[in-house]
Amino acid sequence: AALPDAAALAKAARHTDFSSVIIDEAASTVQITDPALRLDVGAIAKGYAVEQVCRAAPDGLLLSVGGNVRATGPKPGGENWVVGIQAPDGESGAFLHTLYVRDVSVVTSGDYQRYFEYDGVRYAHLIDLTTGYPARYVSSVAVLARADTGGLADALSTGLFCLPEETGQALAAQNHYAVLWMRPDETTSQSADWPQ
């Protein structure tokens, strides 16, 4: 493993402008006008895919796909599902928060499962575009969303992870997003819409 130098990061940052992605919904096409830009749909693909599976799935299932959990109704018998929000140390198996859910998506983005270590420092996979390095604002962000918005919830958890917590709190309050922020010391904060 090796880290890119500042010049390489600056060069890469010049190719992150989303206006270089032209979406034509009517023609079902996407055009990329910057030949050096690469489009990675990792921030939404899993949530979107889980949602597509759930559209064809019967009621009464709980799907868990690596940070994306989706309930298709209550458990058989009518009770809510129990979903735990994992502690961000990734190893203890402890849960920081427990939700009782039905017909919702619970999506978590964090720095504790996909990372590598270099010279004793952990580098996760979610990049802060203001620095070019992995985001280090919090350890994890969980979003609770309506059942039909798994792709949006996936995008929100990634985006909110890559923002300062205060900015994310303002965005969540403005849009009534239910969000839980988890810090390395296992303290948490939540938006007003997160279940108490």
N, C-alpha and C. Protein backbone atom coordinates (compact mmCIF):
# COMPACT_ATOMS: atom_id res chain seq x y z
N ALA A 1 0.84 -1.18 0.00
CA ALA A 1 0.00 0.00 0.00
C ALA A 1 0.88 1.24 0.00
N ALA A 2 0.39 2.29 -0.64
CA ALA A 2 1.10 3.56 -0.66
C ALA A 2 0.07 4.67 -0.78
N LEU A 3 0.46 5.87 -0.35
CA LEU A 3 -0.42 7.02 -0.45
C LEU A 3 -0.02 7.88 -1.64
N PRO A 4 -1.01 8.42 -2.35
CA PRO A 4 -0.66 9.36 -3.42
C PRO A 4 -0.10 10.65 -2.84
N ASP A 5 0.78 11.31 -3.59
CA ASP A 5 1.31 12.57 -3.09
C ASP A 5 0.32 13.70 -3.36
N ALA A 6 0.61 14.89 -2.82
CA ALA A 6 -0.31 16.02 -2.93
C ALA A 6 -0.57 16.40 -4.37
N ALA A 7 0.42 16.29 -5.23
CA ALA A 7 0.24 16.64 -6.65
C ALA A 7 -0.75 15.68 -7.32
N ALA A 8 -0.65 14.40 -7.01
CA ALA A 8 -1.58 13.43 -7.59
C ALA A 8 -3.01 13.68 -7.11
N LEU A 9 -3.15 14.02 -5.83
CA LEU A 9 -4.48 14.32 -5.29
C LEU A 9 -5.07 15.57 -5.94
N ALA A 10 -4.24 16.59 -6.11
CA ALA A 10 -4.70 17.82 -6.75
C ALA A 10 -5.12 17.57 -8.19
N LYS A 11 -4.36 16.74 -8.89
CA LYS A 11 -4.70 16.40 -10.28
C LYS A 11 -6.03 15.65 -10.34
N ALA A 12 -6.21 14.68 -9.45
CA ALA A 12 -7.46 13.91 -9.42
C ALA A 12 -8.65 14.80 -9.08
N ALA A 13 -8.45 15.77 -8.17
CA ALA A 13 -9.54 16.66 -7.74
C ALA A 13 -10.08 17.51 -8.89
N ARG A 14 -9.25 17.73 -9.91
CA ARG A 14 -9.71 18.51 -11.06
C ARG A 14 -10.72 17.75 -11.91
N HIS A 15 -10.93 16.47 -11.60
CA HIS A 15 -11.82 15.63 -12.40
C HIS A 15 -12.97 15.07 -11.56
N THR A 16 -13.52 15.91 -10.70
CA THR A 16 -14.63 15.48 -9.83
C THR A 16 -15.87 16.35 -10.00
N ASP A 17 -15.94 17.12 -11.07
CA ASP A 17 -17.06 18.05 -11.29
C ASP A 17 -18.26 17.29 -11.86
N PHE A 18 -19.33 17.24 -11.09
CA PHE A 18 -20.50 16.47 -11.54
C PHE A 18 -21.18 17.09 -12.76
N SER A 19 -20.89 18.37 -13.06
CA SER A 19 -21.47 18.96 -14.27
C SER A 19 -20.89 18.31 -15.53
N SER A 20 -19.82 17.51 -15.37
CA SER A 20 -19.26 16.76 -16.50
C SER A 20 -20.06 15.50 -16.80
N VAL A 21 -21.07 15.22 -15.99
CA VAL A 21 -21.94 14.06 -16.20
C VAL A 21 -23.28 14.58 -16.72
N ILE A 22 -23.60 14.25 -17.96
CA ILE A 22 -24.83 14.72 -18.60
C ILE A 22 -25.83 13.56 -18.63
N ILE A 23 -26.92 13.72 -17.90
CA ILE A 23 -27.94 12.68 -17.82
C ILE A 23 -29.14 13.09 -18.67
N ASP A 24 -29.51 12.24 -19.61
CA ASP A 24 -30.67 12.47 -20.46
C ASP A 24 -31.70 11.39 -20.12
N GLU A 25 -32.61 11.73 -19.21
CA GLU A 25 -33.59 10.73 -18.77
C GLU A 25 -34.48 10.25 -19.91
N ALA A 26 -34.87 11.16 -20.80
CA ALA A 26 -35.75 10.79 -21.90
C ALA A 26 -35.10 9.73 -22.80
N ALA A 27 -33.81 9.88 -23.05
CA ALA A 27 -33.10 8.93 -23.90
C ALA A 27 -32.46 7.79 -23.12
N SER A 28 -32.55 7.85 -21.79
CA SER A 28 -31.91 6.85 -20.91
C SER A 28 -30.41 6.73 -21.19
N THR A 29 -29.74 7.90 -21.26
CA THR A 29 -28.31 7.90 -21.52
C THR A 29 -27.57 8.74 -20.49
N VAL A 30 -26.30 8.42 -20.33
CA VAL A 30 -25.39 9.20 -19.49
C VAL A 30 -24.14 9.46 -20.34
N GLN A 31 -23.75 10.72 -20.43
CA GLN A 31 -22.55 11.09 -21.15
C GLN A 31 -21.59 11.76 -20.18
N ILE A 32 -20.32 11.38 -20.25
CA ILE A 32 -19.28 11.98 -19.43
C ILE A 32 -18.40 12.83 -20.34
N THR A 33 -18.39 14.14 -20.10
CA THR A 33 -17.67 15.05 -20.99
C THR A 33 -16.20 15.22 -20.62
N ASP A 34 -15.80 14.84 -19.42
CA ASP A 34 -14.39 14.90 -19.01
C ASP A 34 -13.81 13.50 -19.14
N PRO A 35 -12.90 13.28 -20.10
CA PRO A 35 -12.39 11.92 -20.32
C PRO A 35 -11.61 11.35 -19.13
N ALA A 36 -11.17 12.19 -18.20
CA ALA A 36 -10.44 11.70 -17.03
C ALA A 36 -11.36 11.40 -15.85
N LEU A 37 -12.64 11.76 -15.94
CA LEU A 37 -13.59 11.50 -14.86
C LEU A 37 -14.05 10.05 -14.92
N ARG A 38 -14.14 9.43 -13.76
CA ARG A 38 -14.66 8.06 -13.65
C ARG A 38 -15.87 8.11 -12.73
N LEU A 39 -16.94 7.48 -13.15
CA LEU A 39 -18.17 7.48 -12.37
C LEU A 39 -18.26 6.19 -11.58
N ASP A 40 -18.36 6.31 -10.26
CA ASP A 40 -18.48 5.16 -9.36
C ASP A 40 -19.82 5.30 -8.65
N VAL A 41 -20.70 4.35 -8.85
CA VAL A 41 -22.04 4.44 -8.26
C VAL A 41 -22.12 3.72 -6.91
N GLY A 42 -20.97 3.48 -6.29
CA GLY A 42 -20.93 2.76 -5.02
C GLY A 42 -21.72 3.42 -3.91
N ALA A 43 -21.90 4.73 -3.96
CA ALA A 43 -22.62 5.44 -2.90
C ALA A 43 -24.12 5.19 -2.95
N ILE A 44 -24.63 4.67 -4.06
CA ILE A 44 -26.08 4.43 -4.16
C ILE A 44 -26.44 3.04 -4.65
N ALA A 45 -25.50 2.35 -5.28
CA ALA A 45 -25.83 1.11 -5.97
C ALA A 45 -26.41 0.04 -5.06
N LYS A 46 -25.81 -0.15 -3.89
CA LYS A 46 -26.30 -1.20 -3.01
C LYS A 46 -27.71 -0.90 -2.52
N GLY A 47 -27.95 0.35 -2.11
CA GLY A 47 -29.28 0.74 -1.65
C GLY A 47 -30.31 0.60 -2.75
N TYR A 48 -29.95 1.01 -3.96
CA TYR A 48 -30.86 0.89 -5.10
C TYR A 48 -31.15 -0.58 -5.40
N ALA A 49 -30.10 -1.41 -5.42
CA ALA A 49 -30.27 -2.83 -5.72
C ALA A 49 -31.14 -3.53 -4.68
N VAL A 50 -30.90 -3.23 -3.41
CA VAL A 50 -31.72 -3.82 -2.35
C VAL A 50 -33.18 -3.43 -2.54
N GLU A 51 -33.41 -2.17 -2.90
CA GLU A 51 -34.78 -1.70 -3.11
C GLU A 51 -35.44 -2.44 -4.26
N GLN A 52 -34.70 -2.70 -5.33
CA GLN A 52 -35.28 -3.43 -6.47
C GLN A 52 -35.64 -4.86 -6.07
N VAL A 53 -34.78 -5.50 -5.29
CA VAL A 53 -35.09 -6.86 -4.80
C VAL A 53 -36.35 -6.83 -3.95
N CYS A 54 -36.47 -5.83 -3.08
CA CYS A 54 -37.60 -5.77 -2.15
C CYS A 54 -38.93 -5.50 -2.87
N ARG A 55 -38.87 -4.86 -4.02
CA ARG A 55 -40.11 -4.64 -4.78
C ARG A 55 -40.73 -5.95 -5.23
N ALA A 56 -39.88 -6.96 -5.45
CA ALA A 56 -40.38 -8.27 -5.90
C ALA A 56 -40.51 -9.26 -4.74
N ALA A 57 -40.05 -8.88 -3.56
CA ALA A 57 -40.04 -9.79 -2.41
C ALA A 57 -41.39 -9.75 -1.69
N PRO A 58 -41.73 -10.83 -1.03
CA PRO A 58 -42.96 -10.83 -0.23
C PRO A 58 -42.79 -10.00 1.04
N ASP A 59 -43.89 -9.65 1.67
CA ASP A 59 -43.85 -8.99 2.97
C ASP A 59 -43.27 -9.95 4.00
N GLY A 60 -42.71 -9.37 5.05
CA GLY A 60 -42.24 -10.19 6.16
C GLY A 60 -40.80 -10.62 6.07
N LEU A 61 -39.98 -9.92 5.26
CA LEU A 61 -38.57 -10.26 5.16
C LEU A 61 -37.72 -9.12 5.71
N LEU A 62 -36.53 -9.46 6.17
CA LEU A 62 -35.53 -8.48 6.55
C LEU A 62 -34.27 -8.82 5.77
N LEU A 63 -33.87 -7.93 4.86
CA LEU A 63 -32.67 -8.12 4.05
C LEU A 63 -31.54 -7.29 4.65
N SER A 64 -30.37 -7.90 4.76
CA SER A 64 -29.19 -7.20 5.26
C SER A 64 -28.06 -7.43 4.27
N VAL A 65 -27.62 -6.34 3.64
CA VAL A 65 -26.59 -6.43 2.62
C VAL A 65 -25.49 -5.42 2.96
N GLY A 66 -24.57 -5.80 3.83
CA GLY A 66 -23.41 -5.00 4.15
C GLY A 66 -23.66 -3.53 4.42
N GLY A 67 -24.36 -3.20 5.47
CA GLY A 67 -24.62 -1.81 5.82
C GLY A 67 -25.96 -1.30 5.35
N ASN A 68 -26.65 -2.06 4.53
CA ASN A 68 -27.98 -1.71 4.05
C ASN A 68 -28.96 -2.76 4.56
N VAL A 69 -29.91 -2.32 5.37
CA VAL A 69 -30.93 -3.22 5.92
C VAL A 69 -32.28 -2.72 5.45
N ARG A 70 -33.14 -3.63 4.99
CA ARG A 70 -34.46 -3.24 4.49
C ARG A 70 -35.49 -4.24 4.99
N ALA A 71 -36.53 -3.73 5.63
CA ALA A 71 -37.64 -4.55 6.11
C ALA A 71 -38.80 -4.44 5.14
N THR A 72 -39.32 -5.58 4.70
CA THR A 72 -40.49 -5.59 3.83
C THR A 72 -41.72 -5.89 4.67
N GLY A 73 -42.07 -4.96 5.50
CA GLY A 73 -43.21 -5.16 6.39
C GLY A 73 -42.74 -5.67 7.73
N PRO A 74 -43.70 -6.05 8.59
CA PRO A 74 -43.35 -6.61 9.90
C PRO A 74 -42.91 -8.06 9.77
N LYS A 75 -42.43 -8.61 10.88
CA LYS A 75 -42.13 -10.03 10.94
C LYS A 75 -43.42 -10.81 10.71
N PRO A 76 -43.31 -12.05 10.26
CA PRO A 76 -44.51 -12.88 10.26
C PRO A 76 -45.07 -12.93 11.69
N GLY A 77 -46.32 -12.65 11.84
CA GLY A 77 -46.93 -12.55 13.15
C GLY A 77 -47.20 -11.11 13.54
N GLY A 78 -46.63 -10.15 12.80
CA GLY A 78 -46.96 -8.75 13.00
C GLY A 78 -46.03 -7.93 13.86
N GLU A 79 -45.00 -8.53 14.46
CA GLU A 79 -44.09 -7.75 15.30
C GLU A 79 -43.07 -7.01 14.44
N ASN A 80 -42.51 -5.93 15.00
CA ASN A 80 -41.45 -5.19 14.32
C ASN A 80 -40.15 -5.98 14.34
N TRP A 81 -39.31 -5.72 13.34
CA TRP A 81 -37.96 -6.27 13.31
C TRP A 81 -37.07 -5.47 14.26
N VAL A 82 -36.05 -6.12 14.78
CA VAL A 82 -35.07 -5.45 15.63
C VAL A 82 -33.78 -5.31 14.81
N VAL A 83 -33.32 -4.05 14.65
CA VAL A 83 -32.11 -3.77 13.89
C VAL A 83 -31.14 -3.05 14.81
N GLY A 84 -29.93 -3.56 14.92
CA GLY A 84 -28.90 -2.93 15.75
C GLY A 84 -27.95 -2.11 14.91
N ILE A 85 -27.59 -0.94 15.43
CA ILE A 85 -26.57 -0.10 14.80
C ILE A 85 -25.25 -0.43 15.48
N GLN A 86 -24.33 -1.01 14.71
CA GLN A 86 -23.07 -1.53 15.24
C GLN A 86 -22.17 -0.42 15.75
N ALA A 87 -21.45 -0.72 16.82
CA ALA A 87 -20.43 0.19 17.33
C ALA A 87 -19.34 0.34 16.27
N PRO A 88 -18.83 1.55 16.06
CA PRO A 88 -17.89 1.75 14.96
C PRO A 88 -16.51 1.15 15.14
N ASP A 89 -16.23 0.52 16.26
CA ASP A 89 -14.93 -0.15 16.36
C ASP A 89 -14.89 -1.37 15.46
N GLY A 90 -16.07 -1.85 15.04
CA GLY A 90 -16.14 -2.93 14.08
C GLY A 90 -15.75 -4.29 14.60
N GLU A 91 -15.30 -4.37 15.84
CA GLU A 91 -14.80 -5.64 16.35
C GLU A 91 -15.56 -6.15 17.57
N SER A 92 -16.09 -5.27 18.36
CA SER A 92 -16.67 -5.69 19.63
C SER A 92 -17.99 -6.44 19.47
N GLY A 93 -18.67 -6.23 18.35
CA GLY A 93 -19.99 -6.83 18.18
C GLY A 93 -21.06 -6.09 18.96
N ALA A 94 -20.66 -5.02 19.64
CA ALA A 94 -21.63 -4.24 20.42
C ALA A 94 -22.49 -3.37 19.50
N PHE A 95 -23.67 -3.04 19.99
CA PHE A 95 -24.57 -2.16 19.27
C PHE A 95 -24.76 -0.88 20.07
N LEU A 96 -24.71 0.25 19.37
CA LEU A 96 -24.88 1.54 20.04
C LEU A 96 -26.34 1.97 20.09
N HIS A 97 -27.13 1.42 19.20
CA HIS A 97 -28.53 1.85 19.13
C HIS A 97 -29.35 0.68 18.57
N THR A 98 -30.55 0.54 19.04
CA THR A 98 -31.44 -0.50 18.55
C THR A 98 -32.71 0.14 18.02
N LEU A 99 -33.14 -0.29 16.84
CA LEU A 99 -34.37 0.21 16.22
C LEU A 99 -35.37 -0.94 16.10
N TYR A 100 -36.64 -0.62 16.21
CA TYR A 100 -37.72 -1.58 16.00
C TYR A 100 -38.46 -1.10 14.77
N VAL A 101 -38.36 -1.84 13.66
CA VAL A 101 -38.75 -1.31 12.36
C VAL A 101 -39.65 -2.25 11.57
N ARG A 102 -40.34 -1.64 10.62
CA ARG A 102 -41.06 -2.33 9.55
C ARG A 102 -41.17 -1.36 8.39
N ASP A 103 -41.11 -1.88 7.19
CA ASP A 103 -41.24 -1.05 5.98
C ASP A 103 -40.30 0.13 5.94
N VAL A 104 -39.04 -0.06 6.31
CA VAL A 104 -38.05 1.02 6.25
C VAL A 104 -36.71 0.47 5.77
N SER A 105 -35.84 1.42 5.38
CA SER A 105 -34.44 1.12 5.11
C SER A 105 -33.60 1.74 6.22
N VAL A 106 -32.59 1.02 6.66
CA VAL A 106 -31.60 1.53 7.61
C VAL A 106 -30.25 1.33 6.92
N VAL A 107 -29.59 2.45 6.60
CA VAL A 107 -28.34 2.38 5.84
C VAL A 107 -27.22 3.05 6.63
N THR A 108 -26.09 2.38 6.74
CA THR A 108 -24.96 2.88 7.51
C THR A 108 -23.72 2.97 6.63
N SER A 109 -23.01 4.09 6.72
CA SER A 109 -21.70 4.26 6.09
C SER A 109 -20.69 4.53 7.19
N GLY A 110 -19.51 3.91 7.07
CA GLY A 110 -18.52 4.11 8.11
C GLY A 110 -17.11 3.85 7.63
N ASP A 111 -16.17 4.02 8.54
CA ASP A 111 -14.75 3.86 8.21
C ASP A 111 -14.15 2.60 8.83
N TYR A 112 -14.97 1.70 9.34
CA TYR A 112 -14.44 0.60 10.13
C TYR A 112 -14.51 -0.76 9.45
N GLN A 113 -14.96 -0.84 8.21
CA GLN A 113 -14.97 -2.14 7.54
C GLN A 113 -14.13 -2.14 6.26
N ARG A 114 -14.20 -1.06 5.49
CA ARG A 114 -13.43 -0.99 4.24
C ARG A 114 -12.33 0.05 4.41
N TYR A 115 -11.12 -0.41 4.66
CA TYR A 115 -9.99 0.49 4.90
C TYR A 115 -8.69 -0.28 4.74
N PHE A 116 -7.59 0.45 4.70
CA PHE A 116 -6.28 -0.16 4.83
C PHE A 116 -5.45 0.69 5.78
N GLU A 117 -4.40 0.10 6.33
CA GLU A 117 -3.53 0.84 7.24
C GLU A 117 -2.17 1.03 6.58
N TYR A 118 -1.64 2.24 6.78
CA TYR A 118 -0.33 2.57 6.24
C TYR A 118 0.40 3.39 7.28
N ASP A 119 1.57 2.95 7.68
CA ASP A 119 2.36 3.62 8.72
C ASP A 119 1.52 3.88 9.98
N GLY A 120 0.69 2.90 10.35
CA GLY A 120 -0.10 2.99 11.57
C GLY A 120 -1.34 3.88 11.49
N VAL A 121 -1.67 4.38 10.30
CA VAL A 121 -2.84 5.24 10.13
C VAL A 121 -3.86 4.50 9.27
N ARG A 122 -5.12 4.55 9.69
CA ARG A 122 -6.21 3.91 8.94
C ARG A 122 -6.72 4.88 7.87
N TYR A 123 -6.86 4.35 6.65
CA TYR A 123 -7.40 5.12 5.52
C TYR A 123 -8.63 4.38 5.00
N ALA A 124 -9.79 4.99 5.19
CA ALA A 124 -11.05 4.37 4.77
C ALA A 124 -11.35 4.72 3.32
N HIS A 125 -12.44 4.19 2.81
CA HIS A 125 -12.77 4.28 1.39
C HIS A 125 -13.62 5.49 1.00
N LEU A 126 -14.13 6.26 1.95
CA LEU A 126 -15.00 7.39 1.64
C LEU A 126 -14.18 8.68 1.67
N ILE A 127 -14.12 9.35 0.54
CA ILE A 127 -13.19 10.47 0.35
C ILE A 127 -13.90 11.81 0.54
N ASP A 128 -13.25 12.68 1.31
CA ASP A 128 -13.69 14.05 1.50
C ASP A 128 -13.14 14.86 0.33
N LEU A 129 -14.02 15.37 -0.52
CA LEU A 129 -13.57 16.09 -1.71
C LEU A 129 -12.84 17.39 -1.38
N THR A 130 -13.00 17.91 -0.16
CA THR A 130 -12.29 19.15 0.19
C THR A 130 -10.83 18.90 0.51
N THR A 131 -10.47 17.66 0.84
CA THR A 131 -9.08 17.35 1.20
C THR A 131 -8.44 16.34 0.25
N GLY A 132 -9.25 15.51 -0.40
CA GLY A 132 -8.72 14.43 -1.22
C GLY A 132 -8.35 13.19 -0.42
N TYR A 133 -8.52 13.27 0.89
CA TYR A 133 -8.22 12.15 1.78
C TYR A 133 -9.52 11.58 2.35
N PRO A 134 -9.44 10.41 2.97
CA PRO A 134 -10.64 9.86 3.59
C PRO A 134 -11.25 10.84 4.61
N ALA A 135 -12.58 10.89 4.61
CA ALA A 135 -13.30 11.75 5.56
C ALA A 135 -13.02 11.27 6.98
N ARG A 136 -12.85 12.22 7.90
CA ARG A 136 -12.51 11.89 9.28
C ARG A 136 -13.39 12.64 10.28
N TYR A 137 -14.57 13.02 9.85
CA TYR A 137 -15.44 13.79 10.74
C TYR A 137 -16.04 12.92 11.84
N VAL A 138 -16.50 11.72 11.47
CA VAL A 138 -17.10 10.78 12.41
C VAL A 138 -16.67 9.38 12.01
N SER A 139 -17.06 8.37 12.79
CA SER A 139 -16.75 6.99 12.45
C SER A 139 -17.82 6.33 11.62
N SER A 140 -19.06 6.82 11.78
CA SER A 140 -20.17 6.17 11.10
C SER A 140 -21.38 7.09 11.08
N VAL A 141 -22.20 6.93 10.05
CA VAL A 141 -23.46 7.65 9.94
C VAL A 141 -24.53 6.65 9.52
N ALA A 142 -25.65 6.63 10.23
CA ALA A 142 -26.78 5.78 9.87
C ALA A 142 -27.97 6.66 9.50
N VAL A 143 -28.70 6.23 8.47
CA VAL A 143 -29.89 6.94 8.00
C VAL A 143 -31.06 5.97 8.02
N LEU A 144 -32.16 6.43 8.57
CA LEU A 144 -33.41 5.67 8.59
C LEU A 144 -34.35 6.34 7.59
N ALA A 145 -34.87 5.57 6.62
CA ALA A 145 -35.67 6.17 5.55
C ALA A 145 -36.85 5.30 5.19
N ARG A 146 -37.81 5.92 4.51
CA ARG A 146 -38.97 5.17 4.00
C ARG A 146 -38.52 3.99 3.18
N ALA A 147 -39.35 2.98 3.14
CA ALA A 147 -39.00 1.73 2.47
C ALA A 147 -38.66 1.91 1.00
N ASP A 148 -39.26 2.83 0.31
CA ASP A 148 -39.04 2.95 -1.13
C ASP A 148 -37.88 3.87 -1.49
N THR A 149 -37.08 4.28 -0.52
CA THR A 149 -36.00 5.25 -0.77
C THR A 149 -34.63 4.71 -0.38
N GLY A 150 -34.39 3.42 -0.61
CA GLY A 150 -33.12 2.82 -0.24
C GLY A 150 -31.92 3.43 -0.94
N GLY A 151 -32.06 3.78 -2.23
CA GLY A 151 -30.96 4.42 -2.95
C GLY A 151 -30.64 5.78 -2.38
N LEU A 152 -31.69 6.55 -2.06
CA LEU A 152 -31.48 7.87 -1.46
C LEU A 152 -30.84 7.74 -0.08
N ALA A 153 -31.30 6.79 0.71
CA ALA A 153 -30.72 6.60 2.04
C ALA A 153 -29.25 6.23 1.93
N ASP A 154 -28.89 5.41 0.95
CA ASP A 154 -27.50 5.03 0.72
C ASP A 154 -26.67 6.27 0.37
N ALA A 155 -27.18 7.10 -0.53
CA ALA A 155 -26.47 8.33 -0.92
C ALA A 155 -26.34 9.27 0.28
N LEU A 156 -27.38 9.39 1.07
CA LEU A 156 -27.34 10.28 2.23
C LEU A 156 -26.31 9.81 3.26
N SER A 157 -26.28 8.52 3.56
CA SER A 157 -25.33 8.06 4.57
C SER A 157 -23.90 8.32 4.12
N THR A 158 -23.62 8.11 2.84
CA THR A 158 -22.28 8.38 2.32
C THR A 158 -21.98 9.88 2.34
N GLY A 159 -22.91 10.68 1.82
CA GLY A 159 -22.71 12.12 1.76
C GLY A 159 -22.56 12.74 3.13
N LEU A 160 -23.41 12.34 4.07
CA LEU A 160 -23.34 12.89 5.42
C LEU A 160 -22.06 12.47 6.14
N PHE A 161 -21.56 11.28 5.84
CA PHE A 161 -20.30 10.84 6.41
C PHE A 161 -19.15 11.74 5.96
N CYS A 162 -19.25 12.27 4.74
CA CYS A 162 -18.19 13.08 4.15
C CYS A 162 -18.35 14.57 4.40
N LEU A 163 -19.25 14.94 5.29
CA LEU A 163 -19.47 16.35 5.65
C LEU A 163 -19.16 16.56 7.13
N PRO A 164 -18.77 17.78 7.50
CA PRO A 164 -18.68 18.07 8.93
C PRO A 164 -20.05 17.83 9.58
N GLU A 165 -20.03 17.33 10.80
CA GLU A 165 -21.28 16.96 11.46
C GLU A 165 -22.26 18.13 11.55
N GLU A 166 -21.77 19.34 11.80
CA GLU A 166 -22.67 20.50 11.90
C GLU A 166 -23.39 20.76 10.58
N THR A 167 -22.68 20.62 9.47
CA THR A 167 -23.29 20.79 8.14
C THR A 167 -24.34 19.71 7.91
N GLY A 168 -24.01 18.48 8.29
CA GLY A 168 -24.95 17.37 8.15
C GLY A 168 -26.18 17.55 9.01
N GLN A 169 -25.99 18.04 10.23
CA GLN A 169 -27.13 18.30 11.13
C GLN A 169 -28.07 19.32 10.50
N ALA A 170 -27.52 20.38 9.91
CA ALA A 170 -28.35 21.41 9.27
C ALA A 170 -29.11 20.83 8.09
N LEU A 171 -28.44 20.01 7.29
CA LEU A 171 -29.09 19.38 6.14
C LEU A 171 -30.20 18.44 6.59
N ALA A 172 -29.94 17.65 7.62
CA ALA A 172 -30.94 16.73 8.15
C ALA A 172 -32.15 17.48 8.69
N ALA A 173 -31.92 18.56 9.43
CA ALA A 173 -33.03 19.35 9.99
C ALA A 173 -33.86 19.98 8.90
N GLN A 174 -33.21 20.51 7.88
CA GLN A 174 -33.91 21.17 6.78
C GLN A 174 -34.81 20.20 6.01
N ASN A 175 -34.36 18.95 5.88
CA ASN A 175 -35.09 17.97 5.06
C ASN A 175 -35.79 16.87 5.85
N HIS A 176 -35.75 16.96 7.18
CA HIS A 176 -36.38 15.97 8.07
C HIS A 176 -35.83 14.56 7.84
N TYR A 177 -34.50 14.47 7.70
CA TYR A 177 -33.86 13.17 7.60
C TYR A 177 -33.62 12.63 9.01
N ALA A 178 -33.80 11.34 9.17
CA ALA A 178 -33.53 10.66 10.44
C ALA A 178 -32.11 10.12 10.37
N VAL A 179 -31.18 10.73 11.15
CA VAL A 179 -29.76 10.42 11.03
C VAL A 179 -29.15 10.24 12.42
N LEU A 180 -28.23 9.27 12.52
CA LEU A 180 -27.45 9.04 13.73
C LEU A 180 -25.98 9.12 13.37
N TRP A 181 -25.23 10.00 14.06
CA TRP A 181 -23.79 10.13 13.88
C TRP A 181 -23.09 9.42 15.02
N MET A 182 -22.05 8.62 14.70
CA MET A 182 -21.28 7.91 15.70
C MET A 182 -19.81 8.31 15.59
N ARG A 183 -19.22 8.60 16.73
CA ARG A 183 -17.84 9.07 16.78
C ARG A 183 -16.91 7.95 17.25
N PRO A 184 -15.61 8.12 17.04
CA PRO A 184 -14.66 7.07 17.45
C PRO A 184 -14.74 6.73 18.94
N ASP A 185 -15.09 7.70 19.79
CA ASP A 185 -15.18 7.42 21.23
C ASP A 185 -16.53 6.81 21.62
N GLU A 186 -17.32 6.44 20.61
CA GLU A 186 -18.64 5.80 20.77
C GLU A 186 -19.71 6.73 21.32
N THR A 187 -19.45 8.04 21.36
CA THR A 187 -20.53 8.98 21.63
C THR A 187 -21.31 9.17 20.34
N THR A 188 -22.55 9.59 20.48
CA THR A 188 -23.41 9.75 19.31
C THR A 188 -24.15 11.08 19.37
N SER A 189 -24.65 11.50 18.23
CA SER A 189 -25.62 12.58 18.17
C SER A 189 -26.62 12.19 17.09
N GLN A 190 -27.76 12.83 17.12
CA GLN A 190 -28.80 12.43 16.18
C GLN A 190 -29.61 13.65 15.76
N SER A 191 -30.25 13.50 14.59
CA SER A 191 -31.15 14.54 14.12
C SER A 191 -32.44 14.47 14.91
N ALA A 192 -33.23 15.52 14.84
CA ALA A 192 -34.51 15.55 15.57
C ALA A 192 -35.45 14.45 15.10
N ASP A 193 -35.29 13.98 13.87
CA ASP A 193 -36.19 12.96 13.32
C ASP A 193 -35.75 11.53 13.62
N TRP A 194 -34.58 11.35 14.22
CA TRP A 194 -34.14 10.00 14.59
C TRP A 194 -35.00 9.51 15.76
N PRO A 195 -35.49 8.26 15.72
CA PRO A 195 -36.33 7.76 16.82
C PRO A 195 -35.60 7.76 18.15
N GLN A 196 -36.29 8.18 19.19
CA GLN A 196 -35.69 8.25 20.52
C GLN A 196 -35.77 6.89 21.20
